[in-house]
């Protein structure tokens, strides 16, 4: 994961233009969890949740994951840092611009640990 390492990045002020978007998705996890070795959790005769229920009559009927991301003017915080490289006595650097007018991937990352908390794909800007 070196490509997201802060040591390999440099701070540069960039004007970013993003579309407003809202993404919601839900996933049924029962088939995935079963294929990963947890089929017993969904079978009343085999499920063992004795660690959380004295009667051990618990069984998973379904497992669902739901996610939601919204990006708009009110919900966006921005931080900027400026880096200027001067090549001559009169060099003027303009702020580069990035316009997300094509499909893109986005990541929400916890800065302190570097963990990716959420990733998504936006297809129709």
C-alpha atoms as a PDB file:
ATOM      1  CA  UNK A   1       0.000   0.000   0.000  1.00  0.00           C
ATOM      2  CA  UNK A   2       2.980   2.269  -0.588  1.00  0.00           C
ATOM      3  CA  UNK A   3       1.069   4.353  -3.143  1.00  0.00           C
ATOM      4  CA  UNK A   4      -1.062   5.857  -0.336  1.00  0.00           C
ATOM      5  CA  UNK A   5       1.790   6.307   2.113  1.00  0.00           C
ATOM      6  CA  UNK A   6       2.003   9.945   3.313  1.00  0.00           C
ATOM      7  CA  UNK A   7       5.796   9.765   3.018  1.00  0.00           C
ATOM      8  CA  UNK A   8       5.448   9.269  -0.752  1.00  0.00           C
ATOM      9  CA  UNK A   9       3.088  12.215  -1.169  1.00  0.00           C
ATOM     10  CA  UNK A  10       3.657  15.918  -1.279  1.00  0.00           C
ATOM     11  CA  UNK A  11       1.134  18.577  -0.361  1.00  0.00           C
ATOM     12  CA  UNK A  12      -0.074  20.663  -3.278  1.00  0.00           C
ATOM     13  CA  UNK A  13      -2.990  23.038  -3.493  1.00  0.00           C
ATOM     14  CA  UNK A  14      -5.414  21.811  -6.157  1.00  0.00           C
ATOM     15  CA  UNK A  15      -8.794  23.208  -7.200  1.00  0.00           C
ATOM     16  CA  UNK A  16     -11.083  20.142  -7.202  1.00  0.00           C
ATOM     17  CA  UNK A  17     -14.491  20.108  -8.890  1.00  0.00           C
ATOM     18  CA  UNK A  18     -16.666  17.162  -7.815  1.00  0.00           C
ATOM     19  CA  UNK A  19     -20.273  16.491  -8.737  1.00  0.00           C
ATOM     20  CA  UNK A  20     -22.825  16.251  -5.964  1.00  0.00           C
ATOM     21  CA  UNK A  21     -23.611  12.625  -5.409  1.00  0.00           C
ATOM     22  CA  UNK A  22     -25.280  10.241  -3.035  1.00  0.00           C
ATOM     23  CA  UNK A  23     -24.556   6.525  -3.087  1.00  0.00           C
ATOM     24  CA  UNK A  24     -26.482   3.888  -1.180  1.00  0.00           C
ATOM     25  CA  UNK A  25     -25.999   0.165  -1.417  1.00  0.00           C
ATOM     26  CA  UNK A  26     -26.937  -2.898   0.554  1.00  0.00           C
ATOM     27  CA  UNK A  27     -25.481  -6.371   0.322  1.00  0.00           C
ATOM     28  CA  UNK A  28     -26.874  -9.721   1.433  1.00  0.00           C
ATOM     29  CA  UNK A  29     -23.951 -11.405   3.189  1.00  0.00           C
ATOM     30  CA  UNK A  30     -25.418 -14.847   3.931  1.00  0.00           C
ATOM     31  CA  UNK A  31     -24.057 -16.497   0.738  1.00  0.00           C
ATOM     32  CA  UNK A  32     -20.657 -14.834   1.139  1.00  0.00           C
ATOM     33  CA  UNK A  33     -20.297 -15.757   4.813  1.00  0.00           C
ATOM     34  CA  UNK A  34     -21.471 -19.312   4.123  1.00  0.00           C
ATOM     35  CA  UNK A  35     -18.914 -19.732   1.332  1.00  0.00           C
ATOM     36  CA  UNK A  36     -16.184 -18.387   3.634  1.00  0.00           C
ATOM     37  CA  UNK A  37     -16.793 -21.148   6.165  1.00  0.00           C
ATOM     38  CA  UNK A  38     -19.715 -19.903   8.277  1.00  0.00           C
ATOM     39  CA  UNK A  39     -22.680 -21.988   7.032  1.00  0.00           C
ATOM     40  CA  UNK A  40     -23.359 -23.368  10.538  1.00  0.00           C
ATOM     41  CA  UNK A  41     -24.249 -19.894  11.832  1.00  0.00           C
ATOM     42  CA  UNK A  42     -27.355 -19.976   9.605  1.00  0.00           C
ATOM     43  CA  UNK A  43     -28.416 -23.546  10.529  1.00  0.00           C
ATOM     44  CA  UNK A  44     -30.517 -23.929  13.727  1.00  0.00           C
ATOM     45  CA  UNK A  45     -29.230 -27.461  14.260  1.00  0.00           C
ATOM     46  CA  UNK A  46     -25.561 -26.456  14.018  1.00  0.00           C
ATOM     47  CA  UNK A  47     -25.327 -22.812  15.140  1.00  0.00           C
ATOM     48  CA  UNK A  48     -23.427 -22.358  18.404  1.00  0.00           C
ATOM     49  CA  UNK A  49     -23.941 -18.983  20.022  1.00  0.00           C
ATOM     50  CA  UNK A  50     -23.696 -20.392  23.569  1.00  0.00           C
ATOM     51  CA  UNK A  51     -21.211 -17.648  24.419  1.00  0.00           C
ATOM     52  CA  UNK A  52     -23.930 -15.007  24.143  1.00  0.00           C
ATOM     53  CA  UNK A  53     -27.108 -17.002  24.933  1.00  0.00           C
ATOM     54  CA  UNK A  54     -27.531 -19.500  27.763  1.00  0.00           C
ATOM     55  CA  UNK A  55     -30.349 -21.314  25.938  1.00  0.00           C
ATOM     56  CA  UNK A  56     -28.284 -21.533  22.734  1.00  0.00           C
ATOM     57  CA  UNK A  57     -31.410 -21.138  20.586  1.00  0.00           C
ATOM     58  CA  UNK A  58     -29.901 -18.390  18.441  1.00  0.00           C
ATOM     59  CA  UNK A  59     -29.281 -18.685  14.722  1.00  0.00           C
ATOM     60  CA  UNK A  60     -28.556 -16.083  12.061  1.00  0.00           C
ATOM     61  CA  UNK A  61     -31.417 -15.717   9.617  1.00  0.00           C
ATOM     62  CA  UNK A  62     -29.675 -13.136   7.421  1.00  0.00           C
ATOM     63  CA  UNK A  63     -26.655 -10.842   7.382  1.00  0.00           C
ATOM     64  CA  UNK A  64     -26.919  -7.504   5.584  1.00  0.00           C
ATOM     65  CA  UNK A  65     -24.416  -4.704   4.999  1.00  0.00           C
ATOM     66  CA  UNK A  66     -25.702  -1.238   4.045  1.00  0.00           C
ATOM     67  CA  UNK A  67     -23.528   1.685   3.043  1.00  0.00           C
ATOM     68  CA  UNK A  68     -24.216   5.351   2.322  1.00  0.00           C
ATOM     69  CA  UNK A  69     -22.053   8.224   1.106  1.00  0.00           C
ATOM     70  CA  UNK A  70     -23.178  11.737   0.199  1.00  0.00           C
ATOM     71  CA  UNK A  71     -20.982  14.498  -1.152  1.00  0.00           C
ATOM     72  CA  UNK A  72     -22.402  18.007  -1.480  1.00  0.00           C
ATOM     73  CA  UNK A  73     -21.530  21.618  -0.751  1.00  0.00           C
ATOM     74  CA  UNK A  74     -22.547  21.458   2.911  1.00  0.00           C
ATOM     75  CA  UNK A  75     -21.022  18.062   3.599  1.00  0.00           C
ATOM     76  CA  UNK A  76     -17.555  18.698   2.246  1.00  0.00           C
ATOM     77  CA  UNK A  77     -14.660  19.879   4.328  1.00  0.00           C
ATOM     78  CA  UNK A  78     -11.542  21.038   2.568  1.00  0.00           C
ATOM     79  CA  UNK A  79      -7.981  21.383   3.719  1.00  0.00           C
ATOM     80  CA  UNK A  80      -5.305  22.953   1.587  1.00  0.00           C
ATOM     81  CA  UNK A  81      -1.560  23.242   1.635  1.00  0.00           C
ATOM     82  CA  UNK A  82       0.504  25.167  -0.835  1.00  0.00           C
ATOM     83  CA  UNK A  83       3.747  24.107  -2.462  1.00  0.00           C
ATOM     84  CA  UNK A  84       5.497  26.420  -4.906  1.00  0.00           C
ATOM     85  CA  UNK A  85       8.510  25.510  -6.998  1.00  0.00           C
ATOM     86  CA  UNK A  86      10.269  28.527  -8.428  1.00  0.00           C
ATOM     87  CA  UNK A  87      12.400  27.865 -11.509  1.00  0.00           C
ATOM     88  CA  UNK A  88      13.289  31.428 -12.367  1.00  0.00           C
ATOM     89  CA  UNK A  89      13.178  34.878 -10.882  1.00  0.00           C
ATOM     90  CA  UNK A  90       9.703  35.576 -12.287  1.00  0.00           C
ATOM     91  CA  UNK A  91       8.014  32.183 -12.130  1.00  0.00           C
ATOM     92  CA  UNK A  92       4.328  32.251 -11.244  1.00  0.00           C
ATOM     93  CA  UNK A  93       2.629  28.974 -10.419  1.00  0.00           C
ATOM     94  CA  UNK A  94      -1.065  28.666 -11.134  1.00  0.00           C
ATOM     95  CA  UNK A  95      -3.207  26.350  -9.051  1.00  0.00           C
ATOM     96  CA  UNK A  96      -3.794  23.105 -10.959  1.00  0.00           C
ATOM     97  CA  UNK A  97      -7.417  22.046 -11.446  1.00  0.00           C
ATOM     98  CA  UNK A  98      -9.013  18.611 -11.360  1.00  0.00           C
ATOM     99  CA  UNK A  99     -12.559  18.201 -12.656  1.00  0.00           C
ATOM    100  CA  UNK A 100     -14.225  14.855 -11.975  1.00  0.00           C
ATOM    101  CA  UNK A 101     -16.261  14.810 -15.196  1.00  0.00           C
ATOM    102  CA  UNK A 102     -15.590  11.129 -15.836  1.00  0.00           C
ATOM    103  CA  UNK A 103     -16.019   7.941 -13.762  1.00  0.00           C
ATOM    104  CA  UNK A 104     -13.774   7.847 -10.699  1.00  0.00           C
ATOM    105  CA  UNK A 105     -12.928   5.842  -7.594  1.00  0.00           C
ATOM    106  CA  UNK A 106     -12.939   7.461  -4.174  1.00  0.00           C
ATOM    107  CA  UNK A 107     -11.583   6.433  -0.813  1.00  0.00           C
ATOM    108  CA  UNK A 108     -12.285   7.651   2.704  1.00  0.00           C
ATOM    109  CA  UNK A 109      -9.132   7.039   4.713  1.00  0.00           C
ATOM    110  CA  UNK A 110      -8.392   7.392   8.426  1.00  0.00           C
ATOM    111  CA  UNK A 111      -5.353   9.668   8.382  1.00  0.00           C
ATOM    112  CA  UNK A 112      -3.899   8.514  11.696  1.00  0.00           C
ATOM    113  CA  UNK A 113      -3.852   4.775  10.901  1.00  0.00           C
ATOM    114  CA  UNK A 114      -3.939   4.872   7.101  1.00  0.00           C
ATOM    115  CA  UNK A 115      -6.873   2.426   7.137  1.00  0.00           C
ATOM    116  CA  UNK A 116      -9.317   2.691   4.251  1.00  0.00           C
ATOM    117  CA  UNK A 117     -12.735   3.061   5.886  1.00  0.00           C
ATOM    118  CA  UNK A 118     -14.780   3.235   2.702  1.00  0.00           C
ATOM    119  CA  UNK A 119     -14.165   2.941  -1.010  1.00  0.00           C
ATOM    120  CA  UNK A 120     -16.552   3.519  -3.846  1.00  0.00           C
ATOM    121  CA  UNK A 121     -16.929   3.934  -7.580  1.00  0.00           C
ATOM    122  CA  UNK A 122     -18.861   6.786  -9.173  1.00  0.00           C
ATOM    123  CA  UNK A 123     -19.780   5.994 -12.781  1.00  0.00           C
ATOM    124  CA  UNK A 124     -22.008   8.807 -14.076  1.00  0.00           C
ATOM    125  CA  UNK A 125     -20.813  12.305 -13.183  1.00  0.00           C
END
